[in-house]
Amino acid sequence: MTSLAGLPPYLDLAHVSGLIRHIREHLQIRKDGQGWTDQEIVLSLIQLNLAGGDCVDDLKILAA
């Protein structure tokens, strides 16, 4: 177990609270179909903050 094991409940909270729906409705930055979706980017940055990440490069730790 790592300290990152507590992050999945936050994903459930994002779904239950409607955060995913609001991101999809109000944040439409990506127009093409390539790369990460807006929801994936925002949730990754939120999780990075919750996990105590210092920079965007720390997303590699979350991806693992």
N, C-alpha and C. Protein backbone atom coordinates (compact mmCIF):
# COMPACT_ATOMS: atom_id res chain seq x y z
N MET A 1 0.83 -1.18 0.00
CA MET A 1 0.00 0.00 0.00
C MET A 1 0.88 1.25 0.00
N THR A 2 0.43 2.21 -0.74
CA THR A 2 1.12 3.50 -0.77
C THR A 2 0.16 4.58 -0.28
N SER A 3 0.67 5.75 -0.13
CA SER A 3 -0.18 6.87 0.29
C SER A 3 -1.15 7.27 -0.82
N LEU A 4 -0.92 6.79 -2.04
CA LEU A 4 -1.80 7.11 -3.16
C LEU A 4 -3.05 6.23 -3.19
N ALA A 5 -3.11 5.23 -2.32
CA ALA A 5 -4.24 4.31 -2.32
C ALA A 5 -5.54 5.00 -1.90
N GLY A 6 -5.48 6.15 -1.27
CA GLY A 6 -6.67 6.85 -0.84
C GLY A 6 -7.27 7.77 -1.90
N LEU A 7 -6.71 7.80 -3.10
CA LEU A 7 -7.20 8.69 -4.14
C LEU A 7 -8.47 8.21 -4.85
N PRO A 8 -8.69 6.92 -5.07
CA PRO A 8 -9.90 6.49 -5.79
C PRO A 8 -11.23 6.99 -5.21
N PRO A 9 -11.40 7.10 -3.89
CA PRO A 9 -12.67 7.64 -3.40
C PRO A 9 -12.94 9.08 -3.88
N TYR A 10 -11.90 9.82 -4.15
CA TYR A 10 -12.09 11.17 -4.67
C TYR A 10 -12.65 11.15 -6.10
N LEU A 11 -12.29 10.12 -6.87
CA LEU A 11 -12.87 9.97 -8.20
C LEU A 11 -14.36 9.65 -8.09
N ASP A 12 -14.70 8.78 -7.13
CA ASP A 12 -16.12 8.49 -6.89
C ASP A 12 -16.87 9.74 -6.48
N LEU A 13 -16.27 10.53 -5.61
CA LEU A 13 -16.88 11.79 -5.17
C LEU A 13 -17.09 12.74 -6.34
N ALA A 14 -16.14 12.80 -7.25
CA ALA A 14 -16.27 13.66 -8.43
C ALA A 14 -17.45 13.23 -9.29
N HIS A 15 -17.65 11.94 -9.42
CA HIS A 15 -18.78 11.44 -10.21
C HIS A 15 -20.11 11.70 -9.50
N VAL A 16 -20.17 11.40 -8.21
CA VAL A 16 -21.41 11.54 -7.45
C VAL A 16 -21.82 13.01 -7.33
N SER A 17 -20.86 13.88 -7.15
CA SER A 17 -21.16 15.30 -6.96
C SER A 17 -21.50 16.02 -8.26
N GLY A 18 -21.26 15.38 -9.40
CA GLY A 18 -21.57 15.99 -10.68
C GLY A 18 -20.42 16.81 -11.25
N LEU A 19 -19.26 16.72 -10.64
CA LEU A 19 -18.10 17.48 -11.13
C LEU A 19 -17.76 17.09 -12.56
N ILE A 20 -17.81 15.81 -12.86
CA ILE A 20 -17.48 15.34 -14.21
C ILE A 20 -18.44 15.96 -15.23
N ARG A 21 -19.71 15.97 -14.91
CA ARG A 21 -20.72 16.53 -15.81
C ARG A 21 -20.49 18.02 -16.01
N HIS A 22 -20.16 18.73 -14.94
CA HIS A 22 -19.93 20.17 -15.05
C HIS A 22 -18.68 20.47 -15.88
N ILE A 23 -17.65 19.68 -15.71
CA ILE A 23 -16.44 19.87 -16.53
C ILE A 23 -16.79 19.67 -17.99
N ARG A 24 -17.54 18.61 -18.29
CA ARG A 24 -17.91 18.30 -19.66
C ARG A 24 -18.76 19.42 -20.27
N GLU A 25 -19.67 19.99 -19.47
CA GLU A 25 -20.58 21.03 -19.98
C GLU A 25 -19.92 22.39 -20.12
N HIS A 26 -19.08 22.77 -19.16
CA HIS A 26 -18.59 24.14 -19.10
C HIS A 26 -17.15 24.33 -19.54
N LEU A 27 -16.38 23.28 -19.61
CA LEU A 27 -14.97 23.39 -19.99
C LEU A 27 -14.77 22.61 -21.28
N GLN A 28 -14.77 23.32 -22.37
CA GLN A 28 -14.64 22.67 -23.68
C GLN A 28 -13.41 23.22 -24.40
N ILE A 29 -12.26 22.89 -23.84
CA ILE A 29 -11.01 23.40 -24.37
C ILE A 29 -10.54 22.55 -25.56
N ARG A 30 -10.59 21.25 -25.38
CA ARG A 30 -10.10 20.34 -26.41
C ARG A 30 -11.17 20.12 -27.46
N LYS A 31 -10.88 20.42 -28.70
CA LYS A 31 -11.85 20.30 -29.78
C LYS A 31 -11.66 19.03 -30.60
N ASP A 32 -10.42 18.59 -30.76
CA ASP A 32 -10.18 17.38 -31.55
C ASP A 32 -10.30 16.13 -30.67
N GLY A 33 -10.19 14.98 -31.25
CA GLY A 33 -10.39 13.74 -30.51
C GLY A 33 -9.11 13.09 -30.03
N GLN A 34 -8.01 13.81 -30.02
CA GLN A 34 -6.74 13.23 -29.63
C GLN A 34 -6.36 13.65 -28.22
N GLY A 35 -5.60 12.81 -27.56
CA GLY A 35 -5.09 13.13 -26.23
C GLY A 35 -6.10 12.92 -25.13
N TRP A 36 -5.77 13.45 -23.98
CA TRP A 36 -6.62 13.32 -22.80
C TRP A 36 -7.84 14.21 -22.95
N THR A 37 -8.95 13.78 -22.38
CA THR A 37 -10.16 14.60 -22.37
C THR A 37 -10.01 15.69 -21.32
N ASP A 38 -10.87 16.70 -21.39
CA ASP A 38 -10.84 17.77 -20.39
C ASP A 38 -11.05 17.21 -18.98
N GLN A 39 -11.95 16.24 -18.85
CA GLN A 39 -12.23 15.64 -17.55
C GLN A 39 -10.99 14.93 -17.00
N GLU A 40 -10.28 14.21 -17.86
CA GLU A 40 -9.08 13.50 -17.41
C GLU A 40 -8.00 14.47 -16.96
N ILE A 41 -7.85 15.56 -17.67
CA ILE A 41 -6.83 16.54 -17.30
C ILE A 41 -7.16 17.18 -15.96
N VAL A 42 -8.39 17.63 -15.80
CA VAL A 42 -8.77 18.31 -14.55
C VAL A 42 -8.68 17.35 -13.37
N LEU A 43 -9.20 16.13 -13.53
CA LEU A 43 -9.14 15.17 -12.43
C LEU A 43 -7.71 14.77 -12.10
N SER A 44 -6.85 14.68 -13.09
CA SER A 44 -5.44 14.37 -12.83
C SER A 44 -4.77 15.47 -12.03
N LEU A 45 -5.07 16.71 -12.37
CA LEU A 45 -4.48 17.84 -11.63
C LEU A 45 -5.03 17.91 -10.21
N ILE A 46 -6.30 17.59 -10.03
CA ILE A 46 -6.88 17.55 -8.68
C ILE A 46 -6.22 16.45 -7.86
N GLN A 47 -6.07 15.27 -8.44
CA GLN A 47 -5.42 14.18 -7.73
C GLN A 47 -3.96 14.49 -7.43
N LEU A 48 -3.30 15.15 -8.36
CA LEU A 48 -1.91 15.54 -8.13
C LEU A 48 -1.81 16.46 -6.92
N ASN A 49 -2.74 17.40 -6.81
CA ASN A 49 -2.76 18.30 -5.67
C ASN A 49 -3.04 17.54 -4.38
N LEU A 50 -4.01 16.63 -4.40
CA LEU A 50 -4.35 15.84 -3.21
C LEU A 50 -3.20 14.95 -2.76
N ALA A 51 -2.43 14.45 -3.73
CA ALA A 51 -1.32 13.55 -3.42
C ALA A 51 -0.07 14.30 -2.99
N GLY A 52 -0.11 15.63 -3.03
CA GLY A 52 1.04 16.41 -2.60
C GLY A 52 2.09 16.58 -3.68
N GLY A 53 1.68 16.48 -4.93
CA GLY A 53 2.63 16.65 -6.03
C GLY A 53 3.15 18.08 -6.09
N ASP A 54 4.39 18.20 -6.52
CA ASP A 54 5.03 19.51 -6.58
C ASP A 54 5.00 20.12 -7.98
N CYS A 55 4.94 19.27 -9.00
CA CYS A 55 4.97 19.76 -10.37
C CYS A 55 4.19 18.80 -11.28
N VAL A 56 3.95 19.24 -12.48
CA VAL A 56 3.16 18.44 -13.43
C VAL A 56 3.87 17.14 -13.75
N ASP A 57 5.19 17.11 -13.67
CA ASP A 57 5.94 15.88 -13.95
C ASP A 57 5.60 14.78 -12.94
N ASP A 58 5.05 15.15 -11.79
CA ASP A 58 4.66 14.15 -10.79
C ASP A 58 3.44 13.35 -11.24
N LEU A 59 2.80 13.74 -12.33
CA LEU A 59 1.68 12.96 -12.88
C LEU A 59 2.14 11.58 -13.30
N LYS A 60 3.42 11.44 -13.63
CA LYS A 60 3.96 10.13 -14.00
C LYS A 60 3.84 9.15 -12.85
N ILE A 61 3.96 9.64 -11.62
CA ILE A 61 3.82 8.80 -10.43
C ILE A 61 2.37 8.32 -10.33
N LEU A 62 1.42 9.22 -10.56
CA LEU A 62 0.01 8.84 -10.50
C LEU A 62 -0.35 7.87 -11.61
N ALA A 63 0.24 8.05 -12.78
CA ALA A 63 -0.05 7.17 -13.90
C ALA A 63 0.43 5.75 -13.64
N ALA A 64 1.50 5.65 -12.88
CA ALA A 64 2.04 4.30 -12.57
C ALA A 64 1.14 3.64 -11.57
